[in-house]
Amino acid sequence: MQIRLGYELIYDCPQPTPMLLMLNVHYTRVSDLVEPDHLVTTPAVPIRGYRDGFGNWCSRIVAPAGQTRLTTNAIIKDTGEPDVIAVDAPQHTLPDLPDDALVFLLGSRYCETDRLADVAWSLFGKTPLGWGRVQAICDFVHQHIAFGYEHARASRTAWEAYCDRTGVCRDFAHLAVTFCRCMNIPARYCTGYLGDIGVPISDAPMDFSAWFEVYLGGQWYIFDARNNIPRIGRVLIARGRDAADVAITTTFGPNTLSSFKVWTEEVAAPPPVDAAKPLNAG
């Protein structure tokens, strides 16, 4: 299958404003792009790219005073298969974890392992190790937090999500990531595109999505405490410790986000060509 994806972000800046942008498809999916996801700015400004410490592709611009439009419109190939389920994936002992997974056991800006460790062990200490434990965490978070865009708050941490019991997809991911880390399971935060493919169409406006990955059985697996079912058509943009590492845009100066649009939709397959009919037939 093929998926059309893109965004349009419009910022109003009273003065020239440096920005860091994390808007490109992750390097692990670049080979799947049928039409590239080039970042286009209006007005045109110089764009400098770099890799951050997690391997994510980032762009640097200085938005001029006035209005700046950021957009892309791409098509990507996808398997059309739902997220992998591996119920037998085992949990590693701490000495057996690879070095690069250890950072995803530690507390971070939005994931306060110190504040939630006792809660985590009281809730999940008797659950089966490995996949079953992560699924138990997702089940709890999915039921514990009431989803609603009216509950969105950029400063909400995992501890606050646990106490507030409200939030958006990033809050579900932060709380689940924190619980996993408290239970000695490496977990990393992910952001990307996730459209209504294979599920009922939602009336809510499209947005970027958040989910997480855990390290079990020698590899990373996708989990999604917000939806809590395997989904089709995830397109990764970035991974990190939490949302602070993978902010879509970071601005260094006053600004107003005056328009925000995201699209992710399956591209309809072209009708089959009738082999018996010449292509130039009238």
C-alpha atoms as a PDB file:
ATOM      1  CA  MET A   1       0.000   0.000   0.000  1.00  0.00           C
ATOM      2  CA  GLN A   2       0.987   3.642  -0.355  1.00  0.00           C
ATOM      3  CA  ILE A   3       0.301   6.478   2.088  1.00  0.00           C
ATOM      4  CA  ARG A   4       0.225  10.179   1.328  1.00  0.00           C
ATOM      5  CA  LEU A   5       1.479  12.209   4.251  1.00  0.00           C
ATOM      6  CA  GLY A   6       2.416  15.773   4.981  1.00  0.00           C
ATOM      7  CA  TYR A   7       1.841  18.890   7.016  1.00  0.00           C
ATOM      8  CA  GLU A   8       1.387  22.640   6.803  1.00  0.00           C
ATOM      9  CA  LEU A   9       2.552  24.742   9.744  1.00  0.00           C
ATOM     10  CA  ILE A  10       2.279  28.521   9.619  1.00  0.00           C
ATOM     11  CA  TYR A  11       4.141  30.661  12.140  1.00  0.00           C
ATOM     12  CA  ASP A  12       3.878  34.401  12.725  1.00  0.00           C
ATOM     13  CA  CYS A  13       7.092  35.858  14.156  1.00  0.00           C
ATOM     14  CA  PRO A  14       7.513  39.517  15.201  1.00  0.00           C
ATOM     15  CA  GLN A  15      11.277  39.284  14.562  1.00  0.00           C
ATOM     16  CA  PRO A  16      13.744  36.892  12.896  1.00  0.00           C
ATOM     17  CA  THR A  17      13.455  33.672  14.917  1.00  0.00           C
ATOM     18  CA  PRO A  18      15.813  30.659  14.873  1.00  0.00           C
ATOM     19  CA  MET A  19      13.986  27.311  14.730  1.00  0.00           C
ATOM     20  CA  LEU A  20      14.933  23.651  15.044  1.00  0.00           C
ATOM     21  CA  LEU A  21      12.638  21.371  13.045  1.00  0.00           C
ATOM     22  CA  MET A  22      12.167  17.615  13.325  1.00  0.00           C
ATOM     23  CA  LEU A  23       9.739  17.008  10.478  1.00  0.00           C
ATOM     24  CA  ASN A  24      11.374  14.511   8.141  1.00  0.00           C
ATOM     25  CA  VAL A  25      10.558  10.818   7.945  1.00  0.00           C
ATOM     26  CA  HIS A  26      13.030   8.761   9.983  1.00  0.00           C
ATOM     27  CA  TYR A  27      16.080   7.479   8.119  1.00  0.00           C
ATOM     28  CA  THR A  28      14.887   3.886   8.594  1.00  0.00           C
ATOM     29  CA  ARG A  29      11.924   4.640   6.288  1.00  0.00           C
ATOM     30  CA  VAL A  30      13.596   6.892   3.710  1.00  0.00           C
ATOM     31  CA  SER A  31      14.017   4.028   1.219  1.00  0.00           C
ATOM     32  CA  ASP A  32      10.226   3.576   1.294  1.00  0.00           C
ATOM     33  CA  LEU A  33       9.516   7.106   0.052  1.00  0.00           C
ATOM     34  CA  VAL A  34       7.932   7.191  -3.404  1.00  0.00           C
ATOM     35  CA  GLU A  35       7.737  10.987  -3.411  1.00  0.00           C
ATOM     36  CA  PRO A  36      10.276  12.676  -1.102  1.00  0.00           C
ATOM     37  CA  ASP A  37       9.285  14.620   2.000  1.00  0.00           C
ATOM     38  CA  HIS A  38      11.332  17.727   1.231  1.00  0.00           C
ATOM     39  CA  LEU A  39      10.784  20.555   3.691  1.00  0.00           C
ATOM     40  CA  VAL A  40       9.522  23.623   1.800  1.00  0.00           C
ATOM     41  CA  THR A  41       9.492  27.056   3.417  1.00  0.00           C
ATOM     42  CA  THR A  42       7.568  30.107   2.234  1.00  0.00           C
ATOM     43  CA  PRO A  43       9.277  32.504   1.979  1.00  0.00           C
ATOM     44  CA  ALA A  44      12.316  30.464   0.974  1.00  0.00           C
ATOM     45  CA  VAL A  45      15.052  30.501   3.624  1.00  0.00           C
ATOM     46  CA  PRO A  46      18.348  28.600   3.967  1.00  0.00           C
ATOM     47  CA  ILE A  47      17.948  25.161   5.599  1.00  0.00           C
ATOM     48  CA  ARG A  48      20.793  23.381   7.370  1.00  0.00           C
ATOM     49  CA  GLY A  49      20.482  19.739   8.365  1.00  0.00           C
ATOM     50  CA  TYR A  50      22.158  17.618  11.031  1.00  0.00           C
ATOM     51  CA  ARG A  51      21.755  14.357  12.941  1.00  0.00           C
ATOM     52  CA  ASP A  52      20.989  14.575  16.635  1.00  0.00           C
ATOM     53  CA  GLY A  53      22.347  12.194  19.277  1.00  0.00           C
ATOM     54  CA  PHE A  54      19.557   9.670  18.603  1.00  0.00           C
ATOM     55  CA  GLY A  55      20.080   9.617  14.832  1.00  0.00           C
ATOM     56  CA  ASN A  56      17.040  11.762  14.023  1.00  0.00           C
ATOM     57  CA  TRP A  57      17.268  14.140  11.054  1.00  0.00           C
ATOM     58  CA  CYS A  58      16.862  17.774  12.123  1.00  0.00           C
ATOM     59  CA  SER A  59      16.694  21.033  10.191  1.00  0.00           C
ATOM     60  CA  ARG A  60      17.747  24.535  11.216  1.00  0.00           C
ATOM     61  CA  ILE A  61      16.218  27.718   9.828  1.00  0.00           C
ATOM     62  CA  VAL A  62      15.832  31.348  10.804  1.00  0.00           C
ATOM     63  CA  ALA A  63      12.228  32.327  10.188  1.00  0.00           C
ATOM     64  CA  PRO A  64      12.007  35.958   9.049  1.00  0.00           C
ATOM     65  CA  ALA A  65       9.767  38.525  10.664  1.00  0.00           C
ATOM     66  CA  GLY A  66       6.202  37.988   9.515  1.00  0.00           C
ATOM     67  CA  GLN A  67       4.585  34.775   8.350  1.00  0.00           C
ATOM     68  CA  THR A  68       6.522  31.581   7.584  1.00  0.00           C
ATOM     69  CA  ARG A  69       4.908  28.497   6.076  1.00  0.00           C
ATOM     70  CA  LEU A  70       6.474  25.044   6.534  1.00  0.00           C
ATOM     71  CA  THR A  71       5.104  22.215   4.440  1.00  0.00           C
ATOM     72  CA  THR A  72       5.712  18.895   2.732  1.00  0.00           C
ATOM     73  CA  ASN A  73       3.617  16.469   0.715  1.00  0.00           C
ATOM     74  CA  ALA A  74       5.052  12.978   0.254  1.00  0.00           C
ATOM     75  CA  ILE A  75       4.064   9.407  -0.585  1.00  0.00           C
ATOM     76  CA  ILE A  76       5.549   6.407   1.201  1.00  0.00           C
ATOM     77  CA  LYS A  77       5.272   2.663   0.630  1.00  0.00           C
ATOM     78  CA  ASP A  78       4.036   0.598   3.558  1.00  0.00           C
ATOM     79  CA  THR A  79       3.593  -3.116   4.103  1.00  0.00           C
ATOM     80  CA  GLY A  80      -0.017  -2.636   5.153  1.00  0.00           C
ATOM     81  CA  GLU A  81       0.656  -5.030   8.017  1.00  0.00           C
ATOM     82  CA  PRO A  82      -0.360  -4.165  11.602  1.00  0.00           C
ATOM     83  CA  ASP A  83       2.141  -3.738  14.432  1.00  0.00           C
ATOM     84  CA  VAL A  84       4.008  -6.934  15.293  1.00  0.00           C
ATOM     85  CA  ILE A  85       2.809  -8.996  18.256  1.00  0.00           C
ATOM     86  CA  ALA A  86       5.433 -11.253  19.842  1.00  0.00           C
ATOM     87  CA  VAL A  87       3.921 -12.589  23.034  1.00  0.00           C
ATOM     88  CA  ASP A  88       6.931 -14.836  23.663  1.00  0.00           C
ATOM     89  CA  ALA A  89       9.477 -11.988  23.517  1.00  0.00           C
ATOM     90  CA  PRO A  90      11.438 -12.297  26.765  1.00  0.00           C
ATOM     91  CA  GLN A  91      12.611  -9.577  29.117  1.00  0.00           C
ATOM     92  CA  HIS A  92      16.373  -9.173  29.446  1.00  0.00           C
ATOM     93  CA  THR A  93      18.207  -9.135  32.742  1.00  0.00           C
ATOM     94  CA  LEU A  94      20.025  -5.856  33.309  1.00  0.00           C
ATOM     95  CA  PRO A  95      23.537  -7.315  32.766  1.00  0.00           C
ATOM     96  CA  ASP A  96      22.417  -8.687  29.392  1.00  0.00           C
ATOM     97  CA  LEU A  97      21.130  -5.389  27.993  1.00  0.00           C
ATOM     98  CA  PRO A  98      23.213  -3.753  25.242  1.00  0.00           C
ATOM     99  CA  ASP A  99      24.975  -0.538  26.223  1.00  0.00           C
ATOM    100  CA  ASP A 100      22.912   1.679  23.908  1.00  0.00           C
ATOM    101  CA  ALA A 101      19.659   0.537  25.545  1.00  0.00           C
ATOM    102  CA  LEU A 102      20.653   1.631  29.049  1.00  0.00           C
ATOM    103  CA  VAL A 103      19.816   5.314  28.517  1.00  0.00           C
ATOM    104  CA  PHE A 104      16.203   4.236  27.967  1.00  0.00           C
ATOM    105  CA  LEU A 105      16.026   2.905  31.535  1.00  0.00           C
ATOM    106  CA  LEU A 106      16.769   6.302  33.062  1.00  0.00           C
ATOM    107  CA  GLY A 107      14.467   9.087  34.143  1.00  0.00           C
ATOM    108  CA  SER A 108      14.067  12.031  31.760  1.00  0.00           C
ATOM    109  CA  ARG A 109      12.323  15.402  31.455  1.00  0.00           C
ATOM    110  CA  TYR A 110       8.792  13.983  31.196  1.00  0.00           C
ATOM    111  CA  CYS A 111       9.361  10.510  32.620  1.00  0.00           C
ATOM    112  CA  GLU A 112      10.009  10.688  36.375  1.00  0.00           C
ATOM    113  CA  THR A 113      11.016   7.151  37.229  1.00  0.00           C
ATOM    114  CA  ASP A 114      11.885   8.201  40.781  1.00  0.00           C
ATOM    115  CA  ARG A 115       8.341   9.389  41.505  1.00  0.00           C
ATOM    116  CA  LEU A 116       6.572   6.446  39.877  1.00  0.00           C
ATOM    117  CA  ALA A 117       8.811   3.496  40.828  1.00  0.00           C
ATOM    118  CA  ASP A 118       6.788   2.451  43.877  1.00  0.00           C
ATOM    119  CA  VAL A 119       3.529   2.845  41.968  1.00  0.00           C
ATOM    120  CA  ALA A 120       4.868   0.751  39.095  1.00  0.00           C
ATOM    121  CA  TRP A 121       6.025  -2.110  41.285  1.00  0.00           C
ATOM    122  CA  SER A 122       2.769  -2.142  43.241  1.00  0.00           C
ATOM    123  CA  LEU A 123       0.763  -2.325  40.002  1.00  0.00           C
ATOM    124  CA  PHE A 124       2.916  -4.595  37.851  1.00  0.00           C
ATOM    125  CA  GLY A 125       5.284  -6.445  40.171  1.00  0.00           C
ATOM    126  CA  LYS A 126       3.286  -9.675  39.888  1.00  0.00           C
ATOM    127  CA  THR A 127       2.677  -9.547  36.139  1.00  0.00           C
ATOM    128  CA  PRO A 128       4.576 -11.966  33.856  1.00  0.00           C
ATOM    129  CA  LEU A 129       7.975 -10.797  32.669  1.00  0.00           C
ATOM    130  CA  GLY A 130       8.469  -9.640  29.111  1.00  0.00           C
ATOM    131  CA  TRP A 131       5.690  -8.980  26.633  1.00  0.00           C
ATOM    132  CA  GLY A 132       2.930  -9.702  29.127  1.00  0.00           C
ATOM    133  CA  ARG A 133       4.253  -7.081  31.532  1.00  0.00           C
ATOM    134  CA  VAL A 134       4.413  -4.376  28.841  1.00  0.00           C
ATOM    135  CA  GLN A 135       0.904  -5.255  27.688  1.00  0.00           C
ATOM    136  CA  ALA A 136      -0.339  -5.039  31.289  1.00  0.00           C
ATOM    137  CA  ILE A 137       1.186  -1.564  31.485  1.00  0.00           C
ATOM    138  CA  CYS A 138      -0.523  -0.525  28.241  1.00  0.00           C
ATOM    139  CA  ASP A 139      -3.862  -1.908  29.439  1.00  0.00           C
ATOM    140  CA  PHE A 140      -3.607   0.065  32.681  1.00  0.00           C
ATOM    141  CA  VAL A 141      -2.572   3.341  31.026  1.00  0.00           C
ATOM    142  CA  HIS A 142      -5.230   2.977  28.326  1.00  0.00           C
ATOM    143  CA  GLN A 143      -7.929   2.638  30.976  1.00  0.00           C
ATOM    144  CA  HIS A 144      -6.444   5.119  33.449  1.00  0.00           C
ATOM    145  CA  ILE A 145      -6.166   8.192  31.200  1.00  0.00           C
ATOM    146  CA  ALA A 146      -9.176   9.838  29.552  1.00  0.00           C
ATOM    147  CA  PHE A 147      -8.186  11.038  26.070  1.00  0.00           C
ATOM    148  CA  GLY A 148      -9.218  14.487  24.845  1.00  0.00           C
ATOM    149  CA  TYR A 149      -7.549  17.298  22.905  1.00  0.00           C
ATOM    150  CA  GLU A 150      -9.037  19.706  25.419  1.00  0.00           C
ATOM    151  CA  HIS A 151      -6.713  18.088  27.969  1.00  0.00           C
ATOM    152  CA  ALA A 152      -3.540  18.848  25.990  1.00  0.00           C
ATOM    153  CA  ARG A 153      -0.815  20.558  28.016  1.00  0.00           C
ATOM    154  CA  ALA A 154       2.762  20.683  26.793  1.00  0.00           C
ATOM    155  CA  SER A 155       4.223  20.718  30.302  1.00  0.00           C
ATOM    156  CA  ARG A 156       2.384  17.631  31.655  1.00  0.00           C
ATOM    157  CA  THR A 157       4.751  14.927  32.915  1.00  0.00           C
ATOM    158  CA  ALA A 158       4.128  11.219  33.413  1.00  0.00           C
ATOM    159  CA  TRP A 159       3.553  11.759  37.123  1.00  0.00           C
ATOM    160  CA  GLU A 160       1.013  14.495  36.393  1.00  0.00           C
ATOM    161  CA  ALA A 161      -0.703  12.314  33.780  1.00  0.00           C
ATOM    162  CA  TYR A 162      -0.995   9.574  36.374  1.00  0.00           C
ATOM    163  CA  CYS A 163      -2.521  12.019  38.874  1.00  0.00           C
ATOM    164  CA  ASP A 164      -4.654  14.009  36.388  1.00  0.00           C
ATOM    165  CA  ARG A 165      -5.959  10.914  34.587  1.00  0.00           C
ATOM    166  CA  THR A 166      -6.431  13.018  31.435  1.00  0.00           C
ATOM    167  CA  GLY A 167      -4.259  13.718  28.426  1.00  0.00           C
ATOM    168  CA  VAL A 168      -3.420  13.188  24.772  1.00  0.00           C
ATOM    169  CA  CYS A 169      -1.306  10.539  23.038  1.00  0.00           C
ATOM    170  CA  ARG A 170       1.994  11.925  24.327  1.00  0.00           C
ATOM    171  CA  ASP A 171       0.740  11.585  27.913  1.00  0.00           C
ATOM    172  CA  PHE A 172      -0.242   7.951  27.336  1.00  0.00           C
ATOM    173  CA  ALA A 173       3.223   7.288  25.902  1.00  0.00           C
ATOM    174  CA  HIS A 174       5.061   9.114  28.689  1.00  0.00           C
ATOM    175  CA  LEU A 175       3.271   7.247  31.459  1.00  0.00           C
ATOM    176  CA  ALA A 176       3.728   3.856  29.788  1.00  0.00           C
ATOM    177  CA  VAL A 177       7.402   4.566  29.058  1.00  0.00           C
ATOM    178  CA  THR A 178       7.980   5.549  32.666  1.00  0.00           C
ATOM    179  CA  PHE A 179       6.297   2.430  34.042  1.00  0.00           C
ATOM    180  CA  CYS A 180       8.366   0.228  31.700  1.00  0.00           C
ATOM    181  CA  ARG A 181      11.602   1.866  32.800  1.00  0.00           C
ATOM    182  CA  CYS A 182      10.613   1.454  36.442  1.00  0.00           C
ATOM    183  CA  MET A 183      10.197  -2.276  35.719  1.00  0.00           C
ATOM    184  CA  ASN A 184      13.696  -2.453  34.151  1.00  0.00           C
ATOM    185  CA  ILE A 185      12.419  -2.608  30.558  1.00  0.00           C
ATOM    186  CA  PRO A 186      14.125  -0.138  28.183  1.00  0.00           C
ATOM    187  CA  ALA A 187      11.511   2.095  26.570  1.00  0.00           C
ATOM    188  CA  ARG A 188      11.856   4.949  24.100  1.00  0.00           C
ATOM    189  CA  TYR A 189       9.376   7.589  22.964  1.00  0.00           C
ATOM    190  CA  CYS A 190       8.388   7.821  19.282  1.00  0.00           C
ATOM    191  CA  THR A 191       6.612  10.437  17.211  1.00  0.00           C
ATOM    192  CA  GLY A 192       5.330  10.209  13.658  1.00  0.00           C
ATOM    193  CA  TYR A 193       2.318   9.873  11.391  1.00  0.00           C
ATOM    194  CA  LEU A 194      -0.592   7.539  12.152  1.00  0.00           C
ATOM    195  CA  GLY A 195      -3.722   7.933  10.063  1.00  0.00           C
ATOM    196  CA  ASP A 196      -7.120   6.267  10.312  1.00  0.00           C
ATOM    197  CA  ILE A 197      -6.124   3.289   8.158  1.00  0.00           C
ATOM    198  CA  GLY A 198      -7.864   0.027   8.978  1.00  0.00           C
ATOM    199  CA  VAL A 199      -9.963   1.688  11.690  1.00  0.00           C
ATOM    200  CA  PRO A 200     -13.132   3.832  11.670  1.00  0.00           C
ATOM    201  CA  ILE A 201     -12.485   7.368  10.416  1.00  0.00           C
ATOM    202  CA  SER A 202     -12.308   9.883  13.238  1.00  0.00           C
ATOM    203  CA  ASP A 203     -13.969  13.301  13.112  1.00  0.00           C
ATOM    204  CA  ALA A 204     -11.083  14.800  15.091  1.00  0.00           C
ATOM    205  CA  PRO A 205      -8.525  16.860  13.155  1.00  0.00           C
ATOM    206  CA  MET A 206      -5.414  14.928  12.121  1.00  0.00           C
ATOM    207  CA  ASP A 207      -2.296  15.414  14.237  1.00  0.00           C
ATOM    208  CA  PHE A 208       1.112  13.883  14.640  1.00  0.00           C
ATOM    209  CA  SER A 209       0.993  10.828  16.888  1.00  0.00           C
ATOM    210  CA  ALA A 210       3.037   9.433  19.788  1.00  0.00           C
ATOM    211  CA  TRP A 211       3.734   5.817  20.674  1.00  0.00           C
ATOM    212  CA  PHE A 212       6.689   3.977  22.207  1.00  0.00           C
ATOM    213  CA  GLU A 213       9.071   1.071  21.679  1.00  0.00           C
ATOM    214  CA  VAL A 214      10.443  -1.432  24.184  1.00  0.00           C
ATOM    215  CA  TYR A 215      13.502  -3.656  24.035  1.00  0.00           C
ATOM    216  CA  LEU A 216      12.557  -7.320  24.431  1.00  0.00           C
ATOM    217  CA  GLY A 217      14.119 -10.468  23.038  1.00  0.00           C
ATOM    218  CA  GLY A 218      16.982  -8.657  21.365  1.00  0.00           C
ATOM    219  CA  GLN A 219      14.957  -6.111  19.395  1.00  0.00           C
ATOM    220  CA  TRP A 220      12.659  -3.115  19.690  1.00  0.00           C
ATOM    221  CA  TYR A 221       8.881  -3.585  19.475  1.00  0.00           C
ATOM    222  CA  ILE A 222       6.118  -1.008  19.016  1.00  0.00           C
ATOM    223  CA  PHE A 223       3.469  -0.470  21.705  1.00  0.00           C
ATOM    224  CA  ASP A 224       0.695   2.124  21.770  1.00  0.00           C
ATOM    225  CA  ALA A 225      -1.046   2.757  25.090  1.00  0.00           C
ATOM    226  CA  ARG A 226      -3.386   5.342  23.538  1.00  0.00           C
ATOM    227  CA  ASN A 227      -4.949   3.029  20.940  1.00  0.00           C
ATOM    228  CA  ASN A 228      -3.910  -0.263  22.580  1.00  0.00           C
ATOM    229  CA  ILE A 229      -4.468  -2.293  19.421  1.00  0.00           C
ATOM    230  CA  PRO A 230      -2.085  -3.124  16.549  1.00  0.00           C
ATOM    231  CA  ARG A 231      -2.364  -0.390  13.929  1.00  0.00           C
ATOM    232  CA  ILE A 232      -1.565  -0.136  10.231  1.00  0.00           C
ATOM    233  CA  GLY A 233       0.464   2.613   8.591  1.00  0.00           C
ATOM    234  CA  ARG A 234       2.731   4.047  11.278  1.00  0.00           C
ATOM    235  CA  VAL A 235       5.424   6.262   9.768  1.00  0.00           C
ATOM    236  CA  LEU A 236       8.186   7.125  12.213  1.00  0.00           C
ATOM    237  CA  ILE A 237       9.686  10.617  12.341  1.00  0.00           C
ATOM    238  CA  ALA A 238      11.868  10.514  15.450  1.00  0.00           C
ATOM    239  CA  ARG A 239      12.799   8.573  18.593  1.00  0.00           C
ATOM    240  CA  GLY A 240      14.147   9.792  21.924  1.00  0.00           C
ATOM    241  CA  ARG A 241      13.877   9.588  25.680  1.00  0.00           C
ATOM    242  CA  ASP A 242      10.628  11.572  25.718  1.00  0.00           C
ATOM    243  CA  ALA A 243       8.857  14.413  23.902  1.00  0.00           C
ATOM    244  CA  ALA A 244      11.590  16.889  24.808  1.00  0.00           C
ATOM    245  CA  ASP A 245      13.982  15.002  22.504  1.00  0.00           C
ATOM    246  CA  VAL A 246      11.638  14.849  19.513  1.00  0.00           C
ATOM    247  CA  ALA A 247       9.784  18.172  19.446  1.00  0.00           C
ATOM    248  CA  ILE A 248       8.412  18.787  15.950  1.00  0.00           C
ATOM    249  CA  THR A 249       9.489  22.426  16.183  1.00  0.00           C
ATOM    250  CA  THR A 250      11.564  24.306  18.736  1.00  0.00           C
ATOM    251  CA  THR A 251      11.515  28.087  18.436  1.00  0.00           C
ATOM    252  CA  PHE A 252      13.938  30.551  20.002  1.00  0.00           C
ATOM    253  CA  GLY A 253      11.850  33.691  20.223  1.00  0.00           C
ATOM    254  CA  PRO A 254       8.237  34.909  20.408  1.00  0.00           C
ATOM    255  CA  ASN A 255       5.903  33.416  17.804  1.00  0.00           C
ATOM    256  CA  THR A 256       2.328  32.370  17.122  1.00  0.00           C
ATOM    257  CA  LEU A 257       1.393  29.097  15.463  1.00  0.00           C
ATOM    258  CA  SER A 258      -1.474  30.446  13.339  1.00  0.00           C
ATOM    259  CA  SER A 259      -2.234  27.289  11.341  1.00  0.00           C
ATOM    260  CA  PHE A 260      -1.545  23.580  11.922  1.00  0.00           C
ATOM    261  CA  LYS A 261      -2.527  20.831   9.483  1.00  0.00           C
ATOM    262  CA  VAL A 262      -1.370  17.216   9.192  1.00  0.00           C
ATOM    263  CA  TRP A 263      -2.553  14.617   6.697  1.00  0.00           C
ATOM    264  CA  THR A 264      -2.051  10.862   6.495  1.00  0.00           C
ATOM    265  CA  GLU A 265      -4.218   8.824   4.135  1.00  0.00           C
ATOM    266  CA  GLU A 266      -4.023   5.710   2.031  1.00  0.00           C
ATOM    267  CA  VAL A 267      -3.521   6.353  -1.674  1.00  0.00           C
ATOM    268  CA  ALA A 268      -6.134   4.569  -3.740  1.00  0.00           C
ATOM    269  CA  ALA A 269      -4.622   1.980  -6.057  1.00  0.00           C
ATOM    270  CA  PRO A 270      -5.011   2.769  -9.781  1.00  0.00           C
ATOM    271  CA  PRO A 271      -7.561   0.650 -11.661  1.00  0.00           C
ATOM    272  CA  PRO A 272      -6.073  -2.406 -13.381  1.00  0.00           C
ATOM    273  CA  VAL A 273      -5.193  -2.033 -17.043  1.00  0.00           C
ATOM    274  CA  ASP A 274      -7.302  -4.141 -19.389  1.00  0.00           C
ATOM    275  CA  ALA A 275      -4.660  -6.193 -21.194  1.00  0.00           C
ATOM    276  CA  ALA A 276      -7.063  -6.830 -24.094  1.00  0.00           C
ATOM    277  CA  LYS A 277      -7.538  -3.126 -24.782  1.00  0.00           C
ATOM    278  CA  PRO A 278      -4.817  -1.066 -26.464  1.00  0.00           C
ATOM    279  CA  LEU A 279      -3.603   1.718 -24.198  1.00  0.00           C
ATOM    280  CA  ASN A 280      -4.176   4.321 -26.939  1.00  0.00           C
ATOM    281  CA  ALA A 281      -7.690   3.163 -27.756  1.00  0.00           C
ATOM    282  CA  GLY A 282     -10.300   5.838 -27.977  1.00  0.00           C
END
